[in-house]
Amino acid sequence: MDQDFKSRLIAAMADAIIAHAEELTALDSAIGDGDHGLNMKRGFEAVLADASNITAKPLPDALKAIGMTLVMKVGGASGPLYGTLAMGLGKALPTEPSVADAAGALGRAIEDVKARGKSEAGQKTMLDVLVPVQVAFAAGGEDIATRLPAVAAEAADATIPMKAVRGRASFLGERSIGHMDPGARSSSLLVQAICSVFDEA
């Protein structure tokens, strides 16, 4: 994967999060502490600012660098979780991954996130997007980069009727029902951004 392609991936992810920061904050204000949008924006602005250094590294090291930046800059619960996801991908991916390599690495990185957050899919978290996306990705087929954004968006929508049992939203109990999980929404945005770059390739 060349430096230009890695640059486009970082730019797409950062642009998606920055453009939707207010939406993410509004979602988090309903069921969390209202800082998800600002925190994620700060983290991806830091990644974007260091993009020339990050993209000069081989893909596994670039992902680890993104993960470390997110851990240090995002804060809250999301920083460690997104950082764990990126670092897990970096640990599991070869320098020039196949689609099968990428799907397998995502599965292993998701297991790291589950362990870090002590959570599973079905608990109204980012895992409710990441897990079905990984399942669809691993199943493969034609136009995977075109199909995954719809999988991610539907999965984020499916968190609306869920009751949160993890994170700050869990303190609301039944009152968390009826709101999209902000972590699920940011995960969906990132999946859409990544797929858009691959779709153009």
N, C-alpha and C. Protein backbone atom coordinates (compact mmCIF):
# COMPACT_ATOMS: atom_id res chain seq x y z
N MET A 1 0.86 -1.19 0.00
CA MET A 1 0.00 0.00 0.00
C MET A 1 0.90 1.24 0.00
N ASP A 2 0.76 2.09 -1.03
CA ASP A 2 1.68 3.22 -1.14
C ASP A 2 1.28 4.38 -0.23
N GLN A 3 2.19 5.34 -0.11
CA GLN A 3 2.00 6.44 0.82
C GLN A 3 0.80 7.30 0.44
N ASP A 4 0.58 7.50 -0.85
CA ASP A 4 -0.56 8.32 -1.29
C ASP A 4 -1.88 7.68 -0.88
N PHE A 5 -1.97 6.35 -1.01
CA PHE A 5 -3.22 5.67 -0.65
C PHE A 5 -3.46 5.77 0.85
N LYS A 6 -2.41 5.60 1.64
CA LYS A 6 -2.55 5.74 3.09
C LYS A 6 -2.95 7.17 3.46
N SER A 7 -2.42 8.14 2.74
CA SER A 7 -2.79 9.55 2.98
C SER A 7 -4.26 9.78 2.71
N ARG A 8 -4.74 9.18 1.61
CA ARG A 8 -6.16 9.35 1.27
C ARG A 8 -7.07 8.67 2.30
N LEU A 9 -6.64 7.53 2.82
CA LEU A 9 -7.41 6.86 3.86
C LEU A 9 -7.51 7.72 5.12
N ILE A 10 -6.38 8.27 5.55
CA ILE A 10 -6.37 9.11 6.75
C ILE A 10 -7.23 10.35 6.54
N ALA A 11 -7.08 10.98 5.37
CA ALA A 11 -7.87 12.19 5.08
C ALA A 11 -9.36 11.89 5.08
N ALA A 12 -9.75 10.77 4.49
CA ALA A 12 -11.17 10.42 4.42
C ALA A 12 -11.74 10.17 5.82
N MET A 13 -10.99 9.44 6.65
CA MET A 13 -11.47 9.17 8.01
C MET A 13 -11.57 10.47 8.82
N ALA A 14 -10.52 11.28 8.75
CA ALA A 14 -10.52 12.53 9.51
C ALA A 14 -11.64 13.45 9.04
N ASP A 15 -11.79 13.59 7.73
CA ASP A 15 -12.84 14.46 7.19
C ASP A 15 -14.23 14.01 7.64
N ALA A 16 -14.46 12.70 7.65
CA ALA A 16 -15.77 12.18 8.06
C ALA A 16 -16.07 12.50 9.51
N ILE A 17 -15.09 12.29 10.38
CA ILE A 17 -15.29 12.56 11.81
C ILE A 17 -15.44 14.05 12.07
N ILE A 18 -14.57 14.87 11.46
CA ILE A 18 -14.63 16.32 11.68
C ILE A 18 -15.95 16.89 11.18
N ALA A 19 -16.41 16.42 10.01
CA ALA A 19 -17.66 16.92 9.44
C ALA A 19 -18.88 16.55 10.27
N HIS A 20 -18.79 15.44 10.99
CA HIS A 20 -19.93 14.97 11.78
C HIS A 20 -19.73 15.13 13.29
N ALA A 21 -18.76 15.95 13.69
CA ALA A 21 -18.46 16.10 15.12
C ALA A 21 -19.67 16.59 15.91
N GLU A 22 -20.40 17.55 15.36
CA GLU A 22 -21.55 18.08 16.09
C GLU A 22 -22.64 17.03 16.23
N GLU A 23 -22.85 16.25 15.19
CA GLU A 23 -23.84 15.17 15.26
C GLU A 23 -23.45 14.15 16.33
N LEU A 24 -22.17 13.77 16.36
CA LEU A 24 -21.69 12.80 17.35
C LEU A 24 -21.84 13.36 18.77
N THR A 25 -21.57 14.64 18.93
CA THR A 25 -21.73 15.28 20.24
C THR A 25 -23.20 15.29 20.66
N ALA A 26 -24.08 15.57 19.70
CA ALA A 26 -25.51 15.58 20.02
C ALA A 26 -25.99 14.19 20.43
N LEU A 27 -25.53 13.15 19.72
CA LEU A 27 -25.90 11.78 20.09
C LEU A 27 -25.38 11.46 21.48
N ASP A 28 -24.16 11.87 21.77
CA ASP A 28 -23.56 11.57 23.07
C ASP A 28 -24.19 12.40 24.18
N SER A 29 -24.67 13.59 23.86
CA SER A 29 -25.34 14.42 24.87
C SER A 29 -26.63 13.77 25.34
N ALA A 30 -27.26 12.99 24.44
CA ALA A 30 -28.54 12.34 24.79
C ALA A 30 -28.34 11.19 25.76
N ILE A 31 -27.24 10.44 25.62
CA ILE A 31 -27.09 9.24 26.46
C ILE A 31 -25.71 9.11 27.11
N GLY A 32 -24.84 10.09 26.88
CA GLY A 32 -23.49 10.01 27.47
C GLY A 32 -23.12 11.31 28.13
N ASP A 33 -21.83 11.67 28.04
CA ASP A 33 -21.40 12.93 28.66
C ASP A 33 -21.13 14.02 27.65
N GLY A 34 -21.56 13.81 26.40
CA GLY A 34 -21.58 14.88 25.41
C GLY A 34 -20.24 15.28 24.83
N ASP A 35 -19.23 14.41 24.95
CA ASP A 35 -17.92 14.80 24.46
C ASP A 35 -17.39 13.94 23.31
N HIS A 36 -18.19 12.99 22.82
CA HIS A 36 -17.69 12.05 21.83
C HIS A 36 -17.26 12.76 20.53
N GLY A 37 -18.07 13.68 20.06
CA GLY A 37 -17.74 14.38 18.83
C GLY A 37 -16.47 15.20 18.95
N LEU A 38 -16.37 15.97 20.01
CA LEU A 38 -15.19 16.82 20.21
C LEU A 38 -13.94 15.97 20.42
N ASN A 39 -14.06 14.90 21.19
CA ASN A 39 -12.91 14.04 21.45
C ASN A 39 -12.41 13.36 20.18
N MET A 40 -13.37 12.82 19.40
CA MET A 40 -12.98 12.14 18.16
C MET A 40 -12.40 13.13 17.15
N LYS A 41 -12.98 14.32 17.10
CA LYS A 41 -12.46 15.37 16.21
C LYS A 41 -11.02 15.71 16.60
N ARG A 42 -10.77 15.89 17.87
CA ARG A 42 -9.42 16.22 18.34
C ARG A 42 -8.44 15.10 17.97
N GLY A 43 -8.85 13.86 18.15
CA GLY A 43 -7.98 12.73 17.84
C GLY A 43 -7.64 12.65 16.38
N PHE A 44 -8.64 12.80 15.52
CA PHE A 44 -8.38 12.68 14.08
C PHE A 44 -7.70 13.92 13.51
N GLU A 45 -7.89 15.07 14.13
CA GLU A 45 -7.10 16.24 13.73
C GLU A 45 -5.62 15.99 14.02
N ALA A 46 -5.33 15.34 15.14
CA ALA A 46 -3.94 15.02 15.49
C ALA A 46 -3.35 14.00 14.51
N VAL A 47 -4.16 13.00 14.13
CA VAL A 47 -3.70 12.01 13.15
C VAL A 47 -3.42 12.71 11.82
N LEU A 48 -4.34 13.59 11.41
CA LEU A 48 -4.19 14.31 10.14
C LEU A 48 -2.93 15.19 10.16
N ALA A 49 -2.69 15.84 11.30
CA ALA A 49 -1.52 16.73 11.41
C ALA A 49 -0.22 15.95 11.28
N ASP A 50 -0.24 14.68 11.67
CA ASP A 50 0.98 13.85 11.62
C ASP A 50 0.96 12.89 10.44
N ALA A 51 0.08 13.13 9.49
CA ALA A 51 -0.13 12.17 8.40
C ALA A 51 1.13 11.90 7.59
N SER A 52 1.94 12.92 7.36
CA SER A 52 3.13 12.71 6.53
C SER A 52 4.09 11.73 7.19
N ASN A 53 4.20 11.80 8.51
CA ASN A 53 5.06 10.85 9.23
C ASN A 53 4.43 9.47 9.29
N ILE A 54 3.12 9.43 9.56
CA ILE A 54 2.42 8.15 9.70
C ILE A 54 2.44 7.37 8.39
N THR A 55 2.16 8.07 7.29
CA THR A 55 2.03 7.37 6.01
C THR A 55 3.38 6.93 5.42
N ALA A 56 4.46 7.47 5.95
CA ALA A 56 5.79 7.03 5.50
C ALA A 56 6.14 5.65 6.07
N LYS A 57 5.39 5.21 7.07
CA LYS A 57 5.66 3.92 7.71
C LYS A 57 4.98 2.79 6.93
N PRO A 58 5.47 1.57 7.07
CA PRO A 58 4.74 0.42 6.52
C PRO A 58 3.35 0.36 7.18
N LEU A 59 2.38 -0.23 6.49
CA LEU A 59 0.99 -0.23 6.96
C LEU A 59 0.84 -0.67 8.42
N PRO A 60 1.44 -1.80 8.86
CA PRO A 60 1.25 -2.19 10.26
C PRO A 60 1.73 -1.12 11.24
N ASP A 61 2.87 -0.51 10.95
CA ASP A 61 3.41 0.52 11.84
C ASP A 61 2.58 1.81 11.76
N ALA A 62 2.04 2.11 10.59
CA ALA A 62 1.18 3.28 10.43
C ALA A 62 -0.07 3.13 11.29
N LEU A 63 -0.66 1.95 11.28
CA LEU A 63 -1.86 1.69 12.09
C LEU A 63 -1.55 1.78 13.59
N LYS A 64 -0.40 1.27 13.98
CA LYS A 64 -0.01 1.36 15.39
C LYS A 64 0.17 2.82 15.80
N ALA A 65 0.75 3.63 14.89
CA ALA A 65 0.95 5.05 15.18
C ALA A 65 -0.39 5.78 15.30
N ILE A 66 -1.33 5.44 14.41
CA ILE A 66 -2.68 6.01 14.51
C ILE A 66 -3.30 5.64 15.85
N GLY A 67 -3.17 4.37 16.22
CA GLY A 67 -3.73 3.90 17.49
C GLY A 67 -3.17 4.64 18.68
N MET A 68 -1.86 4.82 18.71
CA MET A 68 -1.23 5.53 19.83
C MET A 68 -1.70 6.97 19.88
N THR A 69 -1.84 7.61 18.71
CA THR A 69 -2.31 8.99 18.67
C THR A 69 -3.73 9.10 19.21
N LEU A 70 -4.59 8.16 18.82
CA LEU A 70 -5.97 8.19 19.29
C LEU A 70 -6.04 7.96 20.80
N VAL A 71 -5.24 7.05 21.31
CA VAL A 71 -5.22 6.81 22.77
C VAL A 71 -4.83 8.09 23.51
N MET A 72 -3.81 8.78 22.99
CA MET A 72 -3.29 9.96 23.68
C MET A 72 -4.17 11.19 23.52
N LYS A 73 -4.83 11.32 22.37
CA LYS A 73 -5.53 12.57 22.06
C LYS A 73 -7.05 12.53 22.25
N VAL A 74 -7.66 11.35 22.08
CA VAL A 74 -9.13 11.30 22.12
C VAL A 74 -9.64 11.37 23.55
N GLY A 75 -9.03 10.60 24.44
CA GLY A 75 -9.51 10.61 25.81
C GLY A 75 -10.83 9.89 25.96
N GLY A 76 -11.41 9.99 27.15
CA GLY A 76 -12.68 9.32 27.44
C GLY A 76 -12.56 7.83 27.24
N ALA A 77 -13.69 7.18 26.99
CA ALA A 77 -13.68 5.74 26.73
C ALA A 77 -13.27 5.45 25.29
N SER A 78 -13.59 6.36 24.39
CA SER A 78 -13.40 6.10 22.96
C SER A 78 -11.94 6.03 22.56
N GLY A 79 -11.09 6.84 23.17
CA GLY A 79 -9.68 6.86 22.82
C GLY A 79 -9.02 5.49 22.97
N PRO A 80 -9.11 4.89 24.16
CA PRO A 80 -8.54 3.56 24.32
C PRO A 80 -9.16 2.50 23.41
N LEU A 81 -10.46 2.60 23.15
CA LEU A 81 -11.13 1.59 22.33
C LEU A 81 -10.76 1.72 20.86
N TYR A 82 -10.82 2.93 20.31
CA TYR A 82 -10.40 3.11 18.92
C TYR A 82 -8.90 2.90 18.77
N GLY A 83 -8.14 3.32 19.77
CA GLY A 83 -6.71 3.08 19.74
C GLY A 83 -6.39 1.60 19.74
N THR A 84 -7.10 0.84 20.57
CA THR A 84 -6.94 -0.62 20.62
C THR A 84 -7.28 -1.25 19.28
N LEU A 85 -8.34 -0.77 18.65
CA LEU A 85 -8.75 -1.29 17.34
C LEU A 85 -7.64 -1.07 16.31
N ALA A 86 -7.13 0.15 16.23
CA ALA A 86 -6.09 0.46 15.24
C ALA A 86 -4.80 -0.31 15.53
N MET A 87 -4.40 -0.35 16.81
CA MET A 87 -3.18 -1.07 17.15
C MET A 87 -3.34 -2.58 16.93
N GLY A 88 -4.55 -3.09 17.19
CA GLY A 88 -4.81 -4.50 16.93
C GLY A 88 -4.72 -4.84 15.45
N LEU A 89 -5.22 -3.94 14.62
CA LEU A 89 -5.09 -4.12 13.16
C LEU A 89 -3.62 -4.10 12.75
N GLY A 90 -2.87 -3.16 13.32
CA GLY A 90 -1.46 -3.05 13.00
C GLY A 90 -0.68 -4.29 13.39
N LYS A 91 -1.09 -4.88 14.50
CA LYS A 91 -0.41 -6.08 15.01
C LYS A 91 -0.73 -7.30 14.13
N ALA A 92 -1.94 -7.33 13.59
CA ALA A 92 -2.41 -8.54 12.89
C ALA A 92 -2.20 -8.50 11.38
N LEU A 93 -2.01 -7.31 10.81
CA LEU A 93 -1.91 -7.19 9.35
C LEU A 93 -0.47 -7.34 8.85
N PRO A 94 -0.29 -8.02 7.72
CA PRO A 94 1.01 -7.98 7.05
C PRO A 94 1.16 -6.64 6.32
N THR A 95 2.34 -6.36 5.80
CA THR A 95 2.60 -5.08 5.12
C THR A 95 1.73 -4.90 3.88
N GLU A 96 1.53 -5.98 3.11
CA GLU A 96 0.69 -5.91 1.91
C GLU A 96 -0.43 -6.94 2.05
N PRO A 97 -1.50 -6.60 2.76
CA PRO A 97 -2.54 -7.58 3.07
C PRO A 97 -3.46 -7.90 1.90
N SER A 98 -3.92 -9.13 1.88
CA SER A 98 -5.01 -9.52 0.98
C SER A 98 -6.33 -9.16 1.66
N VAL A 99 -7.44 -9.31 0.94
CA VAL A 99 -8.76 -9.08 1.54
C VAL A 99 -8.97 -10.04 2.71
N ALA A 100 -8.56 -11.30 2.53
CA ALA A 100 -8.71 -12.29 3.60
C ALA A 100 -7.86 -11.91 4.81
N ASP A 101 -6.65 -11.41 4.56
CA ASP A 101 -5.79 -10.94 5.67
C ASP A 101 -6.49 -9.82 6.44
N ALA A 102 -7.06 -8.87 5.71
CA ALA A 102 -7.70 -7.71 6.33
C ALA A 102 -8.92 -8.12 7.14
N ALA A 103 -9.73 -9.03 6.60
CA ALA A 103 -10.92 -9.49 7.32
C ALA A 103 -10.52 -10.23 8.60
N GLY A 104 -9.50 -11.07 8.50
CA GLY A 104 -9.03 -11.80 9.67
C GLY A 104 -8.45 -10.87 10.72
N ALA A 105 -7.67 -9.88 10.27
CA ALA A 105 -7.07 -8.92 11.20
C ALA A 105 -8.14 -8.09 11.90
N LEU A 106 -9.20 -7.71 11.17
CA LEU A 106 -10.29 -6.96 11.79
C LEU A 106 -10.95 -7.80 12.87
N GLY A 107 -11.15 -9.08 12.59
CA GLY A 107 -11.74 -9.97 13.59
C GLY A 107 -10.90 -10.04 14.85
N ARG A 108 -9.58 -10.13 14.69
CA ARG A 108 -8.69 -10.20 15.87
C ARG A 108 -8.66 -8.87 16.62
N ALA A 109 -8.67 -7.76 15.87
CA ALA A 109 -8.69 -6.44 16.51
C ALA A 109 -9.98 -6.21 17.28
N ILE A 110 -11.10 -6.71 16.75
CA ILE A 110 -12.38 -6.60 17.45
C ILE A 110 -12.33 -7.38 18.76
N GLU A 111 -11.69 -8.52 18.76
CA GLU A 111 -11.55 -9.28 20.01
C GLU A 111 -10.76 -8.47 21.04
N ASP A 112 -9.75 -7.73 20.58
CA ASP A 112 -8.98 -6.86 21.48
C ASP A 112 -9.88 -5.77 22.07
N VAL A 113 -10.75 -5.20 21.23
CA VAL A 113 -11.68 -4.16 21.69
C VAL A 113 -12.65 -4.73 22.72
N LYS A 114 -13.16 -5.93 22.44
CA LYS A 114 -14.06 -6.58 23.40
C LYS A 114 -13.39 -6.76 24.76
N ALA A 115 -12.13 -7.20 24.73
CA ALA A 115 -11.40 -7.42 25.97
C ALA A 115 -11.14 -6.10 26.70
N ARG A 116 -10.77 -5.08 25.94
CA ARG A 116 -10.47 -3.78 26.54
C ARG A 116 -11.72 -3.15 27.16
N GLY A 117 -12.84 -3.24 26.43
CA GLY A 117 -14.07 -2.63 26.91
C GLY A 117 -14.94 -3.54 27.75
N LYS A 118 -14.52 -4.80 27.91
CA LYS A 118 -15.30 -5.80 28.64
C LYS A 118 -16.75 -5.82 28.14
N SER A 119 -16.88 -5.88 26.81
CA SER A 119 -18.22 -5.81 26.21
C SER A 119 -18.32 -6.75 25.02
N GLU A 120 -19.55 -6.94 24.58
CA GLU A 120 -19.87 -7.80 23.45
C GLU A 120 -20.86 -7.08 22.55
N ALA A 121 -21.03 -7.58 21.35
CA ALA A 121 -22.08 -7.05 20.48
C ALA A 121 -23.43 -7.25 21.16
N GLY A 122 -24.35 -6.32 20.91
CA GLY A 122 -25.68 -6.39 21.51
C GLY A 122 -25.81 -5.54 22.76
N GLN A 123 -24.75 -4.81 23.11
CA GLN A 123 -24.77 -4.00 24.34
C GLN A 123 -24.77 -2.50 24.06
N LYS A 124 -25.11 -2.14 22.81
CA LYS A 124 -25.24 -0.73 22.40
C LYS A 124 -23.89 -0.01 22.47
N THR A 125 -22.93 -0.53 21.70
CA THR A 125 -21.60 0.07 21.62
C THR A 125 -21.12 0.04 20.17
N MET A 126 -19.89 0.50 19.95
CA MET A 126 -19.27 0.46 18.63
C MET A 126 -19.19 -0.95 18.09
N LEU A 127 -19.16 -1.95 18.98
CA LEU A 127 -19.10 -3.35 18.55
C LEU A 127 -20.33 -3.75 17.74
N ASP A 128 -21.43 -3.06 17.96
CA ASP A 128 -22.65 -3.41 17.23
C ASP A 128 -22.57 -3.02 15.76
N VAL A 129 -21.59 -2.21 15.40
CA VAL A 129 -21.29 -1.93 14.00
C VAL A 129 -20.10 -2.78 13.55
N LEU A 130 -19.05 -2.81 14.35
CA LEU A 130 -17.82 -3.49 13.94
C LEU A 130 -18.03 -4.98 13.70
N VAL A 131 -18.80 -5.64 14.55
CA VAL A 131 -18.98 -7.09 14.41
C VAL A 131 -19.72 -7.45 13.13
N PRO A 132 -20.89 -6.87 12.84
CA PRO A 132 -21.56 -7.24 11.57
C PRO A 132 -20.77 -6.82 10.33
N VAL A 133 -20.03 -5.72 10.42
CA VAL A 133 -19.18 -5.32 9.29
C VAL A 133 -18.10 -6.37 9.05
N GLN A 134 -17.48 -6.86 10.13
CA GLN A 134 -16.45 -7.88 9.97
C GLN A 134 -17.02 -9.18 9.41
N VAL A 135 -18.20 -9.56 9.85
CA VAL A 135 -18.85 -10.77 9.34
C VAL A 135 -19.11 -10.64 7.84
N ALA A 136 -19.63 -9.48 7.43
CA ALA A 136 -19.91 -9.25 6.00
C ALA A 136 -18.61 -9.19 5.20
N PHE A 137 -17.59 -8.57 5.78
CA PHE A 137 -16.28 -8.46 5.13
C PHE A 137 -15.67 -9.84 4.93
N ALA A 138 -15.72 -10.67 5.96
CA ALA A 138 -15.15 -12.02 5.89
C ALA A 138 -15.90 -12.89 4.89
N ALA A 139 -17.21 -12.63 4.73
CA ALA A 139 -18.01 -13.41 3.77
C ALA A 139 -17.60 -13.09 2.34
N GLY A 140 -17.03 -11.89 2.14
CA GLY A 140 -16.49 -11.51 0.83
C GLY A 140 -17.56 -11.30 -0.21
N GLY A 141 -17.22 -11.59 -1.45
CA GLY A 141 -18.16 -11.39 -2.56
C GLY A 141 -17.82 -10.14 -3.35
N GLU A 142 -18.57 -9.93 -4.38
CA GLU A 142 -18.35 -8.78 -5.26
C GLU A 142 -18.73 -7.48 -4.58
N ASP A 143 -18.07 -6.41 -4.97
CA ASP A 143 -18.41 -5.06 -4.54
C ASP A 143 -18.47 -4.91 -3.02
N ILE A 144 -17.53 -5.54 -2.33
CA ILE A 144 -17.55 -5.51 -0.86
C ILE A 144 -17.43 -4.08 -0.33
N ALA A 145 -16.59 -3.26 -0.98
CA ALA A 145 -16.42 -1.88 -0.53
C ALA A 145 -17.68 -1.04 -0.75
N THR A 146 -18.51 -1.46 -1.69
CA THR A 146 -19.77 -0.77 -1.94
C THR A 146 -20.84 -1.21 -0.94
N ARG A 147 -20.77 -2.47 -0.52
CA ARG A 147 -21.81 -3.02 0.35
C ARG A 147 -21.60 -2.74 1.84
N LEU A 148 -20.35 -2.67 2.26
CA LEU A 148 -20.09 -2.54 3.70
C LEU A 148 -20.65 -1.26 4.33
N PRO A 149 -20.61 -0.10 3.64
CA PRO A 149 -21.20 1.09 4.26
C PRO A 149 -22.68 0.92 4.63
N ALA A 150 -23.43 0.22 3.78
CA ALA A 150 -24.85 -0.01 4.09
C ALA A 150 -25.00 -0.94 5.30
N VAL A 151 -24.13 -1.95 5.38
CA VAL A 151 -24.13 -2.84 6.55
C VAL A 151 -23.88 -2.03 7.81
N ALA A 152 -22.87 -1.14 7.74
CA ALA A 152 -22.50 -0.32 8.90
C ALA A 152 -23.63 0.63 9.30
N ALA A 153 -24.25 1.27 8.32
CA ALA A 153 -25.32 2.23 8.60
C ALA A 153 -26.53 1.53 9.23
N GLU A 154 -26.89 0.38 8.68
CA GLU A 154 -28.03 -0.39 9.24
C GLU A 154 -27.72 -0.85 10.65
N ALA A 155 -26.46 -1.26 10.88
CA ALA A 155 -26.08 -1.73 12.21
C ALA A 155 -26.12 -0.59 13.24
N ALA A 156 -25.71 0.61 12.82
CA ALA A 156 -25.79 1.77 13.72
C ALA A 156 -27.24 2.09 14.04
N ASP A 157 -28.10 2.05 13.02
CA ASP A 157 -29.54 2.29 13.24
C ASP A 157 -30.12 1.27 14.21
N ALA A 158 -29.60 0.05 14.15
CA ALA A 158 -30.13 -1.02 15.01
C ALA A 158 -29.80 -0.82 16.48
N THR A 159 -28.89 0.13 16.79
CA THR A 159 -28.62 0.40 18.21
C THR A 159 -29.69 1.29 18.84
N ILE A 160 -30.53 1.93 18.01
CA ILE A 160 -31.53 2.86 18.55
C ILE A 160 -32.49 2.17 19.55
N PRO A 161 -33.06 1.00 19.21
CA PRO A 161 -33.97 0.37 20.17
C PRO A 161 -33.28 -0.41 21.29
N MET A 162 -31.96 -0.49 21.27
CA MET A 162 -31.26 -1.26 22.30
C MET A 162 -31.19 -0.50 23.63
N LYS A 163 -31.11 -1.26 24.70
CA LYS A 163 -30.82 -0.68 26.02
C LYS A 163 -29.33 -0.84 26.29
N ALA A 164 -28.69 0.24 26.67
CA ALA A 164 -27.24 0.20 26.93
C ALA A 164 -26.95 -0.55 28.22
N VAL A 165 -25.95 -1.42 28.17
CA VAL A 165 -25.52 -2.13 29.38
C VAL A 165 -24.03 -1.93 29.64
N ARG A 166 -23.38 -1.11 28.80
CA ARG A 166 -21.96 -0.79 28.98
C ARG A 166 -21.76 0.71 28.78
N GLY A 167 -20.77 1.25 29.44
CA GLY A 167 -20.44 2.66 29.28
C GLY A 167 -21.38 3.57 30.05
N ARG A 168 -21.16 4.88 29.89
CA ARG A 168 -21.95 5.87 30.63
C ARG A 168 -23.44 5.76 30.30
N ALA A 169 -23.76 5.38 29.06
CA ALA A 169 -25.17 5.27 28.66
C ALA A 169 -25.91 4.23 29.50
N SER A 170 -25.18 3.25 30.04
CA SER A 170 -25.83 2.20 30.83
C SER A 170 -26.45 2.76 32.10
N PHE A 171 -25.95 3.91 32.58
CA PHE A 171 -26.51 4.53 33.79
C PHE A 171 -27.95 4.96 33.58
N LEU A 172 -28.32 5.17 32.31
CA LEU A 172 -29.68 5.63 32.00
C LEU A 172 -30.69 4.49 31.97
N GLY A 173 -30.20 3.25 31.88
CA GLY A 173 -31.11 2.11 31.83
C GLY A 173 -32.08 2.21 30.66
N GLU A 174 -33.37 2.12 30.95
CA GLU A 174 -34.40 2.14 29.91
C GLU A 174 -34.38 3.44 29.10
N ARG A 175 -33.91 4.52 29.71
CA ARG A 175 -33.91 5.82 29.02
C ARG A 175 -32.87 5.88 27.89
N SER A 176 -31.97 4.90 27.85
CA SER A 176 -31.02 4.86 26.73
C SER A 176 -31.68 4.33 25.45
N ILE A 177 -32.84 3.70 25.60
CA ILE A 177 -33.58 3.19 24.44
C ILE A 177 -34.13 4.37 23.64
N GLY A 178 -34.03 4.27 22.31
CA GLY A 178 -34.55 5.33 21.44
C GLY A 178 -33.49 6.29 20.93
N HIS A 179 -32.23 6.04 21.30
CA HIS A 179 -31.13 6.89 20.84
C HIS A 179 -30.06 6.03 20.18
N MET A 180 -29.51 6.49 19.07
CA MET A 180 -28.39 5.79 18.44
C MET A 180 -27.15 5.92 19.31
N ASP A 181 -26.40 4.83 19.41
CA ASP A 181 -25.15 4.88 20.15
C ASP A 181 -24.13 5.72 19.39
N PRO A 182 -23.50 6.71 20.04
CA PRO A 182 -22.54 7.57 19.33
C PRO A 182 -21.31 6.81 18.83
N GLY A 183 -20.84 5.81 19.59
CA GLY A 183 -19.71 5.01 19.14
C GLY A 183 -20.05 4.17 17.92
N ALA A 184 -21.28 3.68 17.87
CA ALA A 184 -21.73 2.94 16.69
C ALA A 184 -21.79 3.87 15.48
N ARG A 185 -22.25 5.09 15.70
CA ARG A 185 -22.32 6.05 14.59
C ARG A 185 -20.93 6.43 14.10
N SER A 186 -19.99 6.68 15.01
CA SER A 186 -18.64 7.04 14.56
C SER A 186 -17.98 5.86 13.85
N SER A 187 -18.23 4.65 14.32
CA SER A 187 -17.70 3.47 13.63
C SER A 187 -18.27 3.36 12.22
N SER A 188 -19.56 3.62 12.10
CA SER A 188 -20.20 3.59 10.78
C SER A 188 -19.60 4.63 9.85
N LEU A 189 -19.36 5.82 10.36
CA LEU A 189 -18.75 6.88 9.55
C LEU A 189 -17.36 6.48 9.07
N LEU A 190 -16.59 5.84 9.95
CA LEU A 190 -15.23 5.43 9.58
C LEU A 190 -15.25 4.32 8.54
N VAL A 191 -16.18 3.38 8.68
CA VAL A 191 -16.31 2.31 7.69
C VAL A 191 -16.67 2.92 6.33
N GLN A 192 -17.61 3.84 6.32
CA GLN A 192 -18.00 4.48 5.07
C GLN A 192 -16.83 5.22 4.44
N ALA A 193 -16.05 5.93 5.26
CA ALA A 193 -14.92 6.70 4.75
C ALA A 193 -13.85 5.78 4.14
N ILE A 194 -13.52 4.72 4.86
CA ILE A 194 -12.50 3.77 4.37
C ILE A 194 -12.96 3.12 3.07
N CYS A 195 -14.21 2.68 3.04
CA CYS A 195 -14.73 2.01 1.84
C CYS A 195 -14.77 2.95 0.64
N SER A 196 -15.03 4.23 0.88
CA SER A 196 -15.10 5.18 -0.23
C SER A 196 -13.74 5.28 -0.95
N VAL A 197 -12.66 5.20 -0.17
CA VAL A 197 -11.32 5.28 -0.76
C VAL A 197 -11.03 4.02 -1.57
N PHE A 198 -11.38 2.86 -1.02
CA PHE A 198 -11.16 1.61 -1.75
C PHE A 198 -12.05 1.52 -2.98
N ASP A 199 -13.25 2.08 -2.88
CA ASP A 199 -14.18 2.05 -4.01
C ASP A 199 -13.64 2.89 -5.19
N GLU A 200 -12.89 3.93 -4.86
CA GLU A 200 -12.32 4.79 -5.91
C GLU A 200 -11.03 4.23 -6.50
N ALA A 201 -10.44 3.25 -5.79
CA ALA A 201 -9.12 2.74 -6.21
C ALA A 201 -9.22 1.96 -7.53
